[in-house]
Amino acid sequence: MKKSKKIFVLAIFIICNLFSSVYGTSLEENTATLDSSITSEAVLVMEASTGKILYEKNAYERRFPASTTKIMTAILTLENCKLDDTATASEYAVMSIPSGYTNANIQVGETLTIKDLLYALMIPSANDSAIVLGEHISGSEEAFCMLMNEKAKELGCKDTHFVNPNGIHKDEHYSTAYDLALMGKYAMQNETFREIVKTPEFSLPSTDSYSGEERHFYNTNNLIRSETNYYYEYATGIKTGFTSQAGNCLVSSAEKDGISYIAVVLNAPVRYENGRTISARYLDTTNLFNFAFDNYHFKKLHATNDLVKCITIENAKKKENSLNLLLASDINALISVDNNDNFEPEISIKENLSAPIKKGDVVGSVTYKIDGLKYTADLLAGNDVEVAENGIFIVFVIIIGFVIIIFMIRFVNKKKRYRLKRNKYR
C-alpha cells in the first residue's frame, strides 16, 4: 500500500513538472528570458522574407556601424560591376587606411578582379579593398558615398548616413540596427553575396604588383567557422565590425527549416573569464536566432487551389450561375508557436464582376492581416460562367419574325389577287 502511494505521489510530481515545463515556455516568458540575456546596446532579429521584427532593443537609435558598412559597398559593387571586371588600386586607396585598421596588403597600382576585391572586402574586412571598389564605381570616395546614401534611402533606411565605404570611424558616419537589418535582408537576396559571406577562408592571388605568397585570410565572422567556439550550424553570413567607438558589431543571417532570419547586434561587450575572451556579439546573436527559431514558425492558412468561397454571378445562366473562388497560391503566415487563433480573411471581389468568366481568370484577392503584416493571394475562377440569354432580345426577335411572316402572307395574297384579276380581264 505504501509502495502504491509513493508511485502515485511520484506520478503527480512528474505530471506537475511536465505542465510547468509546457506553460513555462510561452512567448512572453521566453522574451523575458531573452531580455535578461542580451548585453549588447542595440539588437534586432527580423524574419527575412516578411521583414517582421520578432525582437528589438534600441534598434532605431543611431550607432556607429564600423565595418558592417561594407554590406552596402558589396551591394553597390554587385549591382554596378561584373565579377571578371578589374580595378586598379590608387595611392589614396592604399595609403589612406589608418594604422590599426584591417587591410588586404593591396599594393599601389595593383590590378585585381572585382570578385577578388569583394572577397577581400567581406572575408578579412579589408578597408583598402572598399576604397578601390568605391573609386572604381564612382570615380571618388565622396561620389561613391552619395551612391551609398541614395541606396540606403531606396531600401527604406530612416537614419543612416555614410561618409566612407568601409566604416572607418567618423562621427558623421552612422546607422541603426534596423537600417542595417534592411541592408542585410536585401543583400542576402543576391546569390553571389550569399556565396561570399558564408565562405570561411579565402586567398588573394599573386599579381604583377605583388609577387609574394598568396595572401590568405580567414572570415572574421566566427559563426560560420566550424573550428571556433562560436560556430553556429545554421549561420549563413554576414559581416562583423569593430572600432573603439562602435564596439563589437555583427550583422548576421541564419536559415533552418526553410526560415531565414537576419540579426543585428551593435556595441556588444567583451569580457574575460578564466583566461578566455568572451564576445557578446556572438552569444547575443546565437540567443536571438534560437529565440526566433524556437518561438516562431510559418503556418499555412490556405493552400493553392483551396476553395475560399462560392458566389453567384447575376447575369449568368440560372442553372450555371455559381462561381467557385480558388486560391492562386499558398498563404503562409509567420506566427508564434503558441498562437492558436483562427484568422479570418478579407475577401475582395472585382467590381462589376459579370459573365462571361473563364476558368483561371483573376477575379479578386484574399488578405490576412496578422501582427501588422499583410498576407495576400489572388482568387481565381474555378469554373467557366456563361452569360445568360437576353429574354427581351428573344421576344424582340419573335415579334420581328411575326411581322415578317404577316408581311409575307399579305404580299403573297396581294400577288394572288392581282393574278386573279388579270386573268378575269383576259
Protein backbone atom coordinates (compact mmCIF):
# COMPACT_ATOMS: atom_id res chain seq x y z
CA MET A 1 0.00 0.00 0.00
CA LYS A 2 2.81 2.38 0.92
CA LYS A 3 4.60 1.49 -2.32
CA SER A 4 1.49 2.31 -4.37
CA LYS A 5 1.16 5.62 -2.55
CA LYS A 6 4.77 6.52 -3.37
CA ILE A 7 4.26 5.66 -7.02
CA PHE A 8 1.10 7.82 -7.09
CA VAL A 9 2.90 10.78 -5.49
CA LEU A 10 5.80 10.39 -7.94
CA ALA A 11 3.40 10.32 -10.88
CA ILE A 12 1.70 13.51 -9.68
CA PHE A 13 5.11 15.15 -9.28
CA ILE A 14 6.14 14.23 -12.84
CA ILE A 15 2.84 15.44 -14.29
CA CYS A 16 3.11 18.76 -12.44
CA ASN A 17 6.63 19.25 -13.74
CA LEU A 18 5.51 18.48 -17.26
CA PHE A 19 2.74 21.08 -17.04
CA SER A 20 5.19 23.53 -15.52
CA SER A 21 7.55 22.88 -18.41
CA VAL A 22 4.83 23.36 -21.02
CA TYR A 23 3.43 26.54 -19.52
CA GLY A 24 6.90 27.87 -18.79
CA THR A 25 7.79 28.14 -22.47
CA SER A 26 5.29 30.80 -23.53
CA LEU A 27 6.42 33.54 -25.88
CA GLU A 28 6.09 36.12 -23.13
CA GLU A 29 8.34 34.20 -20.73
CA ASN A 30 10.86 33.38 -23.46
CA THR A 31 11.00 37.07 -24.38
CA ALA A 32 11.66 37.93 -20.75
CA THR A 33 14.46 35.34 -20.68
CA LEU A 34 15.97 36.86 -23.82
CA ASP A 35 15.74 40.33 -22.26
CA SER A 36 17.86 39.18 -19.35
CA SER A 37 20.50 37.55 -21.56
CA ILE A 38 21.12 40.35 -24.10
CA THR A 39 24.07 42.56 -23.21
CA SER A 40 24.67 44.42 -26.49
CA GLU A 41 23.45 48.02 -26.57
CA ALA A 42 21.30 47.64 -29.69
CA VAL A 43 19.91 44.42 -31.19
CA LEU A 44 17.26 43.21 -33.60
CA VAL A 45 16.13 39.94 -35.18
CA MET A 46 14.00 40.03 -38.34
CA GLU A 47 12.42 37.31 -40.49
CA ALA A 48 13.97 37.73 -43.93
CA SER A 49 11.03 37.15 -46.28
CA THR A 50 8.43 39.27 -44.48
CA GLY A 51 10.61 41.82 -42.67
CA LYS A 52 8.73 41.01 -39.47
CA ILE A 53 10.68 42.10 -36.38
CA LEU A 54 10.50 39.46 -33.66
CA TYR A 55 12.63 41.21 -31.06
CA GLU A 56 14.43 44.53 -30.79
CA LYS A 57 16.25 46.66 -28.28
CA ASN A 58 17.27 50.24 -29.12
CA ALA A 59 17.02 49.22 -32.79
CA TYR A 60 16.23 52.74 -34.03
CA GLU A 61 18.99 54.59 -32.15
CA ARG A 62 21.92 55.95 -34.14
CA ARG A 63 25.06 53.87 -33.73
CA PHE A 64 28.46 53.67 -35.38
CA PRO A 65 28.29 50.69 -37.77
CA ALA A 66 32.05 50.13 -38.20
CA SER A 67 32.76 47.52 -40.92
CA THR A 68 29.15 46.39 -41.24
CA THR A 69 29.17 49.40 -43.60
CA LYS A 70 30.78 47.08 -46.16
CA ILE A 71 27.46 45.33 -46.72
CA MET A 72 26.32 48.42 -48.63
CA THR A 73 29.64 48.63 -50.50
CA ALA A 74 29.21 45.00 -51.59
CA ILE A 75 25.61 45.61 -52.68
CA LEU A 76 26.57 48.50 -54.94
CA THR A 77 29.56 46.62 -56.33
CA LEU A 78 27.42 43.64 -57.31
CA GLU A 79 24.85 45.93 -58.91
CA ASN A 80 27.35 48.03 -60.86
CA CYS A 81 30.16 45.67 -61.83
CA LYS A 82 30.83 42.31 -63.42
CA LEU A 83 32.83 39.86 -61.32
CA ASP A 84 35.52 39.47 -64.00
CA ASP A 85 35.98 43.23 -64.37
CA THR A 86 39.23 44.60 -62.92
CA ALA A 87 40.05 47.61 -60.77
CA THR A 88 43.38 49.23 -60.00
CA ALA A 89 44.32 50.46 -56.54
CA SER A 90 45.11 54.16 -56.28
CA GLU A 91 47.65 55.59 -53.86
CA TYR A 92 44.79 57.05 -51.83
CA ALA A 93 43.02 53.68 -51.55
CA VAL A 94 46.12 52.09 -50.06
CA MET A 95 47.73 54.89 -48.09
CA SER A 96 44.62 56.45 -46.54
CA ILE A 97 43.91 53.49 -44.25
CA PRO A 98 44.87 54.50 -40.69
CA SER A 99 47.21 52.35 -38.64
CA GLY A 100 45.41 49.57 -36.79
CA TYR A 101 42.66 49.13 -39.38
CA THR A 102 42.47 45.89 -41.37
CA ASN A 103 43.79 45.75 -44.91
CA ALA A 104 44.47 43.08 -47.54
CA ASN A 105 48.01 44.29 -48.29
CA ILE A 106 46.90 45.58 -51.67
CA GLN A 107 49.69 47.42 -53.46
CA VAL A 108 49.53 50.86 -55.08
CA GLY A 109 48.88 50.26 -58.78
CA GLU A 110 47.86 46.63 -58.25
CA THR A 111 45.08 45.37 -60.50
CA LEU A 112 42.63 42.81 -59.15
CA THR A 113 39.32 41.36 -60.28
CA ILE A 114 36.10 42.66 -58.77
CA LYS A 115 35.44 39.16 -57.46
CA ASP A 116 38.73 39.05 -55.55
CA LEU A 117 38.16 42.55 -54.21
CA LEU A 118 34.69 41.56 -52.99
CA TYR A 119 36.06 38.52 -51.18
CA ALA A 120 38.79 40.68 -49.64
CA LEU A 121 36.13 43.19 -48.61
CA MET A 122 33.84 40.70 -46.87
CA ILE A 123 36.10 37.89 -45.60
CA PRO A 124 39.02 39.68 -43.84
CA SER A 125 37.15 43.05 -43.91
CA ALA A 126 39.81 44.80 -45.97
CA ASN A 127 39.41 48.58 -45.76
CA ASP A 128 41.70 49.20 -48.74
CA SER A 129 39.53 46.96 -50.92
CA ALA A 130 36.46 49.06 -50.06
CA ILE A 131 38.05 52.25 -51.36
CA VAL A 132 39.36 50.54 -54.51
CA LEU A 133 35.82 49.39 -55.29
CA GLY A 134 34.25 52.75 -54.47
CA GLU A 135 36.69 54.67 -56.67
CA HIS A 136 36.26 52.14 -59.49
CA ILE A 137 32.46 52.54 -59.47
CA SER A 138 32.06 56.28 -58.86
CA GLY A 139 35.45 57.85 -59.52
CA SER A 140 35.96 59.03 -55.96
CA GLU A 141 35.18 58.06 -52.40
CA GLU A 142 32.88 61.07 -51.98
CA ALA A 143 30.85 60.26 -55.09
CA PHE A 144 30.52 56.64 -54.02
CA CYS A 145 29.20 57.70 -50.61
CA MET A 146 26.47 59.68 -52.34
CA LEU A 147 25.51 56.47 -54.12
CA MET A 148 25.55 54.59 -50.80
CA ASN A 149 23.21 57.08 -49.16
CA GLU A 150 20.83 57.06 -52.12
CA LYS A 151 20.66 53.27 -51.98
CA ALA A 152 20.06 53.32 -48.23
CA LYS A 153 17.02 55.57 -48.73
CA GLU A 154 15.81 53.31 -51.54
CA LEU A 155 15.90 50.33 -49.15
CA GLY A 156 13.81 52.20 -46.58
CA CYS A 157 16.61 53.14 -44.19
CA LYS A 158 15.45 56.01 -41.99
CA ASP A 159 18.55 57.04 -40.07
CA THR A 160 21.70 56.14 -42.00
CA HIS A 161 24.47 58.36 -43.31
CA PHE A 162 27.70 57.10 -44.86
CA VAL A 163 30.85 59.17 -45.40
CA ASN A 164 33.16 56.33 -46.44
CA PRO A 165 32.77 52.84 -47.98
CA ASN A 166 34.48 50.88 -45.20
CA GLY A 167 33.28 52.11 -41.80
CA ILE A 168 36.50 53.74 -40.61
CA HIS A 169 35.27 55.89 -37.76
CA LYS A 170 33.80 59.31 -38.46
CA ASP A 171 31.31 60.99 -36.15
CA GLU A 172 29.00 61.77 -39.07
CA HIS A 173 29.05 58.12 -40.25
CA TYR A 174 26.16 56.30 -38.58
CA SER A 175 23.28 53.87 -38.95
CA THR A 176 20.84 51.87 -36.80
CA ALA A 177 20.25 48.21 -36.08
CA TYR A 178 17.01 48.39 -38.03
CA ASP A 179 18.60 50.01 -41.09
CA LEU A 180 21.47 47.52 -41.09
CA ALA A 181 18.93 44.67 -40.95
CA LEU A 182 17.26 46.10 -44.07
CA MET A 183 20.63 46.16 -45.84
CA GLY A 184 21.42 42.60 -44.78
CA LYS A 185 17.96 41.39 -45.81
CA TYR A 186 18.34 42.98 -49.24
CA ALA A 187 21.91 41.79 -49.77
CA MET A 188 21.07 38.17 -48.95
CA GLN A 189 18.71 38.10 -51.93
CA ASN A 190 21.80 38.18 -54.15
CA GLU A 191 23.21 34.71 -54.81
CA THR A 192 26.81 35.89 -55.23
CA PHE A 193 26.64 37.88 -52.00
CA ARG A 194 25.32 34.81 -50.14
CA GLU A 195 28.13 32.70 -51.50
CA ILE A 196 30.80 35.19 -50.44
CA VAL A 197 29.61 35.81 -46.88
CA LYS A 198 29.39 32.11 -45.99
CA THR A 199 32.97 31.42 -47.13
CA PRO A 200 35.20 30.54 -44.14
CA GLU A 201 38.55 31.47 -45.73
CA PHE A 202 39.98 32.98 -48.88
CA SER A 203 43.28 33.65 -50.65
CA LEU A 204 44.12 36.74 -52.67
CA PRO A 205 46.32 35.65 -55.59
CA SER A 206 49.73 36.98 -56.50
CA THR A 207 49.83 39.66 -59.20
CA ASP A 208 52.40 41.64 -61.16
CA SER A 209 52.45 44.13 -58.29
CA TYR A 210 52.59 41.51 -55.53
CA SER A 211 54.86 38.55 -56.26
CA GLY A 212 54.94 37.09 -52.77
CA GLU A 213 52.98 34.13 -51.47
CA GLU A 214 49.20 34.18 -51.67
CA ARG A 215 47.59 36.44 -49.09
CA HIS A 216 45.44 34.06 -47.07
CA PHE A 217 42.60 35.28 -44.87
CA TYR A 218 40.00 33.82 -42.52
CA ASN A 219 36.46 35.09 -42.24
CA THR A 220 36.12 37.47 -39.31
CA ASN A 221 32.64 36.03 -38.61
CA ASN A 222 33.22 33.14 -36.22
CA LEU A 223 29.62 31.97 -36.50
CA ILE A 224 30.42 30.27 -39.82
CA ARG A 225 33.85 28.86 -38.91
CA SER A 226 33.43 25.35 -37.53
CA GLU A 227 36.77 25.39 -35.70
CA THR A 228 35.75 28.28 -33.42
CA ASN A 229 33.90 28.21 -30.10
CA TYR A 230 31.16 30.42 -31.57
CA TYR A 231 30.28 28.25 -34.57
CA TYR A 232 26.53 28.20 -35.23
CA GLU A 233 25.42 25.42 -37.55
CA TYR A 234 22.57 27.41 -39.12
CA ALA A 235 24.60 30.59 -39.78
CA THR A 236 24.93 31.75 -43.39
CA GLY A 237 26.74 35.12 -43.01
CA ILE A 238 27.12 38.16 -42.96
CA LYS A 239 29.57 40.80 -41.64
CA THR A 240 31.40 41.79 -38.48
CA GLY A 241 32.53 45.26 -37.46
CA PHE A 242 34.71 46.85 -34.81
CA THR A 243 36.12 50.21 -33.87
CA SER A 244 36.80 51.52 -30.39
CA GLN A 245 33.87 53.92 -30.81
CA ALA A 246 31.42 51.38 -32.29
CA GLY A 247 32.41 48.44 -30.15
CA ASN A 248 31.89 44.90 -31.44
CA CYS A 249 29.18 44.69 -34.10
CA LEU A 250 27.69 41.90 -36.18
CA VAL A 251 25.06 41.68 -38.88
CA SER A 252 24.29 38.01 -39.38
CA SER A 253 21.95 35.56 -41.08
CA ALA A 254 20.79 32.04 -40.34
CA GLU A 255 18.49 29.52 -42.00
CA LYS A 256 16.71 26.49 -40.58
CA ASP A 257 13.68 24.50 -41.78
CA GLY A 258 13.11 26.91 -44.64
CA ILE A 259 13.00 30.03 -42.44
CA SER A 260 15.71 32.71 -42.68
CA TYR A 261 16.46 35.36 -40.09
CA ILE A 262 18.62 38.48 -40.03
CA ALA A 263 20.11 39.50 -36.67
CA VAL A 264 21.98 42.68 -35.76
CA VAL A 265 23.98 43.39 -32.60
CA LEU A 266 25.78 46.70 -32.08
CA ASN A 267 28.27 47.70 -29.40
CA ALA A 268 28.48 44.26 -27.82
CA PRO A 269 30.71 43.97 -24.73
CA VAL A 270 33.70 41.69 -24.33
CA ARG A 271 34.55 40.05 -21.03
CA TYR A 272 37.36 37.81 -19.82
CA GLU A 273 36.78 34.57 -17.93
CA ASN A 274 39.45 32.07 -16.90
CA GLY A 275 41.94 33.46 -19.39
CA ARG A 276 39.37 33.38 -22.24
CA THR A 277 37.84 36.24 -24.17
CA ILE A 278 34.05 36.05 -24.29
CA SER A 279 32.50 38.05 -27.14
CA ALA A 280 28.86 39.01 -26.56
CA ARG A 281 28.28 39.76 -30.22
CA TYR A 282 28.28 36.01 -30.93
CA LEU A 283 26.45 34.99 -27.76
CA ASP A 284 23.73 37.59 -28.24
CA THR A 285 23.36 36.69 -31.91
CA THR A 286 23.02 33.00 -31.13
CA ASN A 287 20.42 33.77 -28.47
CA LEU A 288 18.46 35.91 -30.93
CA PHE A 289 18.46 33.17 -33.56
CA ASN A 290 17.49 30.45 -31.09
CA PHE A 291 14.68 32.63 -29.76
CA ALA A 292 13.35 33.16 -33.31
CA PHE A 293 13.62 29.53 -34.39
CA ASP A 294 12.11 28.20 -31.14
CA ASN A 295 9.19 30.61 -30.91
CA TYR A 296 8.05 31.30 -34.47
CA HIS A 297 7.03 29.26 -37.47
CA PHE A 298 5.13 29.63 -40.70
CA LYS A 299 1.55 28.40 -40.53
CA LYS A 300 -0.22 27.52 -43.76
CA LEU A 301 -3.54 29.37 -43.68
CA HIS A 302 -4.58 28.29 -47.16
CA ALA A 303 -3.12 26.07 -49.89
CA THR A 304 -3.11 26.59 -53.65
CA ASN A 305 -6.49 25.71 -55.23
CA ASP A 306 -8.32 25.77 -51.89
CA LEU A 307 -11.98 26.74 -52.28
CA VAL A 308 -12.33 30.05 -50.47
CA LYS A 309 -15.90 30.98 -51.35
CA CYS A 310 -18.71 30.36 -53.81
CA ILE A 311 -20.57 33.37 -55.22
CA THR A 312 -23.47 33.94 -57.60
CA ILE A 313 -22.99 35.79 -60.89
CA GLU A 314 -26.15 37.77 -61.61
CA ASN A 315 -26.04 37.81 -65.41
CA ALA A 316 -25.16 34.13 -65.78
CA LYS A 317 -27.39 31.25 -66.83
CA LYS A 318 -29.65 30.40 -63.91
CA LYS A 319 -28.55 26.78 -63.58
CA GLU A 320 -24.86 27.68 -64.07
CA ASN A 321 -24.52 30.97 -62.18
CA SER A 322 -22.27 29.75 -59.31
CA LEU A 323 -18.60 30.71 -59.37
CA ASN A 324 -16.03 28.93 -57.20
CA LEU A 325 -13.23 31.19 -55.92
CA LEU A 326 -9.95 29.28 -55.67
CA LEU A 327 -6.66 30.41 -54.14
CA ALA A 328 -3.90 31.11 -56.67
CA SER A 329 -1.04 30.34 -54.25
CA ASP A 330 -0.30 29.21 -50.71
CA ILE A 331 -0.71 31.71 -47.88
CA ASN A 332 1.78 31.14 -45.09
CA ALA A 333 1.87 33.46 -42.08
CA LEU A 334 4.68 33.86 -39.58
CA ILE A 335 3.17 33.44 -36.12
CA SER A 336 4.33 32.42 -32.67
CA VAL A 337 4.14 28.72 -31.93
CA ASP A 338 1.69 29.31 -29.06
CA ASN A 339 -0.73 31.31 -31.22
CA ASN A 340 -3.85 29.21 -31.84
CA ASP A 341 -6.09 31.99 -33.15
CA ASN A 342 -8.46 31.37 -36.04
CA PHE A 343 -7.60 34.06 -38.54
CA GLU A 344 -10.40 35.45 -40.69
CA PRO A 345 -9.52 36.67 -44.19
CA GLU A 346 -10.72 39.76 -46.03
CA ILE A 347 -12.11 38.76 -49.42
CA SER A 348 -12.16 41.33 -52.20
CA ILE A 349 -14.05 40.68 -55.45
CA LYS A 350 -13.50 42.72 -58.62
CA GLU A 351 -16.07 45.45 -59.10
CA ASN A 352 -18.86 44.74 -61.58
CA LEU A 353 -17.78 41.11 -61.97
CA SER A 354 -20.06 39.57 -64.58
CA ALA A 355 -20.28 36.74 -67.09
CA PRO A 356 -18.70 35.59 -69.26
CA ILE A 357 -15.92 34.34 -66.94
CA LYS A 358 -13.26 31.82 -67.92
CA LYS A 359 -11.76 29.27 -65.55
CA GLY A 360 -8.45 30.63 -64.25
CA ASP A 361 -9.38 34.31 -64.57
CA VAL A 362 -8.23 36.51 -61.65
CA VAL A 363 -11.48 37.63 -60.05
CA GLY A 364 -10.34 39.03 -56.69
CA SER A 365 -7.97 38.58 -53.78
CA VAL A 366 -7.86 37.30 -50.22
CA THR A 367 -5.87 39.05 -47.46
CA TYR A 368 -4.96 38.13 -43.91
CA LYS A 369 -3.81 40.89 -41.56
CA ILE A 370 -1.71 39.42 -38.75
CA ASP A 371 0.57 41.31 -36.36
CA GLY A 372 0.80 44.31 -38.66
CA LEU A 373 1.66 42.29 -41.77
CA LYS A 374 -0.50 41.54 -44.80
CA TYR A 375 -0.51 38.14 -46.49
CA THR A 376 -2.30 38.30 -49.85
CA ALA A 377 -3.01 35.96 -52.75
CA ASP A 378 -5.14 36.21 -55.88
CA LEU A 379 -8.50 34.49 -56.22
CA LEU A 380 -9.07 32.58 -59.45
CA ALA A 381 -12.26 31.48 -61.15
CA GLY A 382 -12.65 27.76 -60.53
CA ASN A 383 -15.07 27.24 -63.41
CA ASP A 384 -16.46 28.83 -66.56
CA VAL A 385 -19.56 31.01 -66.22
CA GLU A 386 -21.55 31.76 -69.38
CA VAL A 387 -23.72 34.78 -69.88
CA ALA A 388 -27.50 34.25 -69.79
CA GLU A 389 -29.52 34.68 -72.98
CA ASN A 390 -31.35 38.01 -73.02
CA GLY A 391 -35.13 37.41 -72.71
CA ILE A 392 -36.09 40.82 -74.09
CA PHE A 393 -33.94 40.23 -77.13
CA ILE A 394 -35.62 36.88 -77.75
CA VAL A 395 -39.09 38.47 -77.52
CA PHE A 396 -37.97 41.19 -79.91
CA VAL A 397 -36.70 38.60 -82.38
CA ILE A 398 -40.00 36.71 -82.16
CA ILE A 399 -42.03 39.87 -82.80
CA ILE A 400 -39.89 40.76 -85.77
CA GLY A 401 -40.36 37.23 -87.03
CA PHE A 402 -44.15 37.52 -86.76
CA VAL A 403 -44.12 40.86 -88.58
CA ILE A 404 -42.06 39.39 -91.40
CA ILE A 405 -44.39 36.38 -91.68
CA ILE A 406 -47.50 38.59 -91.74
CA PHE A 407 -45.88 40.82 -94.35
CA MET A 408 -45.00 37.81 -96.48
CA ILE A 409 -48.55 36.41 -96.21
CA ARG A 410 -50.05 39.75 -97.18
CA PHE A 411 -47.58 40.06 -100.05
CA VAL A 412 -48.42 36.59 -101.32
CA ASN A 413 -52.17 37.21 -101.04
CA LYS A 414 -51.89 40.53 -102.80
CA LYS A 415 -49.94 38.94 -105.61
CA LYS A 416 -52.51 36.15 -105.85
CA ARG A 417 -55.41 38.64 -106.10
CA TYR A 418 -53.54 40.53 -108.80
CA ARG A 419 -53.20 37.35 -110.89
CA LEU A 420 -56.88 36.51 -110.49
CA LYS A 421 -57.90 39.98 -111.53
CA ARG A 422 -55.58 39.84 -114.52
CA ASN A 423 -56.99 36.51 -115.66
CA LYS A 424 -60.54 37.86 -115.35
CA TYR A 425 -59.98 40.60 -117.97
CA ARG A 426 -58.32 38.38 -120.49
